[in-house]
Protein backbone atom coordinates (compact mmCIF):
# COMPACT_ATOMS: atom_id res chain seq x y z
CA UNK A 1 0.00 0.00 0.00
CA UNK A 2 3.05 2.27 0.23
CA UNK A 3 2.93 2.78 -3.54
CA UNK A 4 -0.37 4.60 -3.04
CA UNK A 5 0.25 6.53 0.17
CA UNK A 6 3.64 7.83 -1.03
CA UNK A 7 2.26 9.09 -4.36
CA UNK A 8 1.79 12.85 -4.79
CA UNK A 9 -1.73 14.14 -4.24
CA UNK A 10 -3.60 15.34 -7.33
CA UNK A 11 -4.02 19.00 -6.43
CA UNK A 12 -3.60 20.98 -9.65
CA UNK A 13 -5.72 20.54 -12.77
CA UNK A 14 -2.63 20.18 -14.99
CA UNK A 15 -1.15 17.34 -12.87
CA UNK A 16 -3.23 14.69 -14.67
CA UNK A 17 -5.76 14.46 -17.49
CA UNK A 18 -9.27 14.91 -16.13
CA UNK A 19 -10.66 12.34 -18.58
CA UNK A 20 -9.26 10.21 -21.39
CA UNK A 21 -10.48 7.25 -23.40
CA UNK A 22 -7.03 5.70 -23.77
CA UNK A 23 -5.92 5.27 -20.14
CA UNK A 24 -5.02 1.69 -19.24
CA UNK A 25 -3.73 0.07 -16.03
CA UNK A 26 0.07 -0.17 -15.75
CA UNK A 27 2.84 -0.90 -13.24
CA UNK A 28 1.82 -4.27 -11.80
CA UNK A 29 3.28 -5.26 -8.44
CA UNK A 30 3.18 -8.55 -6.58
CA UNK A 31 1.05 -8.84 -3.44
CA UNK A 32 0.52 -11.65 -0.95
CA UNK A 33 -2.62 -12.45 0.99
CA UNK A 34 -4.26 -9.18 -0.12
CA UNK A 35 -7.88 -8.14 -0.60
CA UNK A 36 -8.41 -7.43 -4.30
CA UNK A 37 -11.09 -7.01 -6.90
CA UNK A 38 -10.81 -8.64 -10.31
CA UNK A 39 -12.84 -6.67 -12.86
CA UNK A 40 -13.77 -6.78 -16.52
CA UNK A 41 -14.87 -3.67 -18.44
CA UNK A 42 -14.71 -1.21 -15.54
CA UNK A 43 -14.99 2.52 -16.18
CA UNK A 44 -13.14 5.51 -14.74
CA UNK A 45 -12.85 9.05 -16.14
CA UNK A 46 -13.81 8.03 -19.67
CA UNK A 47 -11.66 4.89 -19.89
CA UNK A 48 -12.81 1.28 -20.03
CA UNK A 49 -10.38 -1.39 -18.76
CA UNK A 50 -9.97 -4.74 -17.02
CA UNK A 51 -7.57 -6.01 -14.38
CA UNK A 52 -6.92 -6.83 -10.74
CA UNK A 53 -6.73 -3.99 -8.22
CA UNK A 54 -6.03 -3.66 -4.50
CA UNK A 55 -8.96 -2.86 -2.22
CA UNK A 56 -8.39 -0.81 0.92
CA UNK A 57 -9.14 -2.06 4.43
CA UNK A 58 -12.41 -0.16 4.73
CA UNK A 59 -13.76 -0.35 1.19
CA UNK A 60 -17.48 -0.07 0.63
CA UNK A 61 -19.03 -1.32 -2.57
CA UNK A 62 -21.88 1.05 -3.37
CA UNK A 63 -24.66 -0.21 -5.62
CA UNK A 64 -26.28 2.46 -7.77
CA UNK A 65 -29.28 1.56 -9.91
CA UNK A 66 -28.53 4.22 -12.52
CA UNK A 67 -24.76 4.21 -13.00
CA UNK A 68 -23.61 0.71 -12.08
CA UNK A 69 -21.73 -0.18 -8.95
CA UNK A 70 -18.96 2.04 -7.60
CA UNK A 71 -15.98 0.43 -5.88
CA UNK A 72 -13.02 2.19 -4.29
CA UNK A 73 -9.54 0.86 -5.09
CA UNK A 74 -6.01 1.87 -4.21
CA UNK A 75 -4.62 2.87 -7.59
CA UNK A 76 -3.00 6.03 -8.96
CA UNK A 77 -4.22 8.10 -11.89
CA UNK A 78 -1.20 9.19 -13.94
CA UNK A 79 1.12 8.91 -10.93
CA UNK A 80 -1.14 10.79 -8.51
CA UNK A 81 -3.57 9.82 -5.76
CA UNK A 82 -6.68 11.52 -4.49
CA UNK A 83 -6.31 13.37 -1.18
CA UNK A 84 -9.03 11.64 0.83
CA UNK A 85 -9.78 8.27 -0.79
CA UNK A 86 -8.93 5.82 -3.53
CA UNK A 87 -10.24 5.89 -7.09
CA UNK A 88 -13.93 4.98 -7.47
CA UNK A 89 -14.38 2.68 -10.47
CA UNK A 90 -17.79 1.96 -11.98
CA UNK A 91 -18.15 -1.81 -12.40
CA UNK A 92 -20.72 -4.43 -13.31
CA UNK A 93 -20.92 -6.80 -10.32
CA UNK A 94 -21.61 -9.70 -12.68
CA UNK A 95 -18.15 -9.15 -14.17
CA UNK A 96 -16.25 -8.80 -10.88
CA UNK A 97 -14.87 -11.03 -8.18
CA UNK A 98 -13.53 -10.03 -4.76
CA UNK A 99 -10.76 -12.20 -3.38
CA UNK A 100 -9.80 -11.68 0.29
CA UNK A 101 -6.61 -13.76 0.23
CA UNK A 102 -5.14 -13.08 -3.22
CA UNK A 103 -1.51 -13.70 -4.08
CA UNK A 104 -0.41 -12.42 -7.47
CA UNK A 105 -0.09 -9.12 -9.33
CA UNK A 106 -2.24 -5.99 -9.10
CA UNK A 107 -2.13 -2.81 -11.16
CA UNK A 108 -1.02 0.35 -9.35
CA UNK A 109 -1.34 3.20 -11.87
CA UNK A 110 -2.85 4.39 -15.16
CA UNK A 111 -1.23 5.88 -18.26
CA UNK A 112 -2.24 6.72 -21.82
CA UNK A 113 -1.76 3.63 -23.94
CA UNK A 114 -2.50 3.87 -27.64
CA UNK A 115 -3.71 0.79 -29.46
CA UNK A 116 -1.14 -0.86 -31.66
CA UNK A 117 -1.76 -0.62 -35.39
CA UNK A 118 -2.99 -3.76 -37.03
CA UNK A 119 -0.52 -5.30 -39.41
CA UNK A 120 -1.80 -5.89 -42.92
């Protein structure tokens, strides 16, 4: 969790893009016996992505009828963290799984990743 708590706080508008369609999870780290969420087609600030992310100790999964389910994760957005909480992803609970004793890799940050050109 140090990767998150030691990250600079997103304070200025120019620190990070507010929204982008091409942000993808990056910088995986290994964790042991951690509480994680494995998601497919989650949404955050205009991006759609999949992956495994670290949940905090006091995470609440909020179910909203209109906008999907919001879940708070410990992950940076372009190298920065929010001042008071983790990022709140919008997920479909049918495409997620919470694992309380996960050992493996989790994503810790987002960056702009352009799709590779198809070879002809």
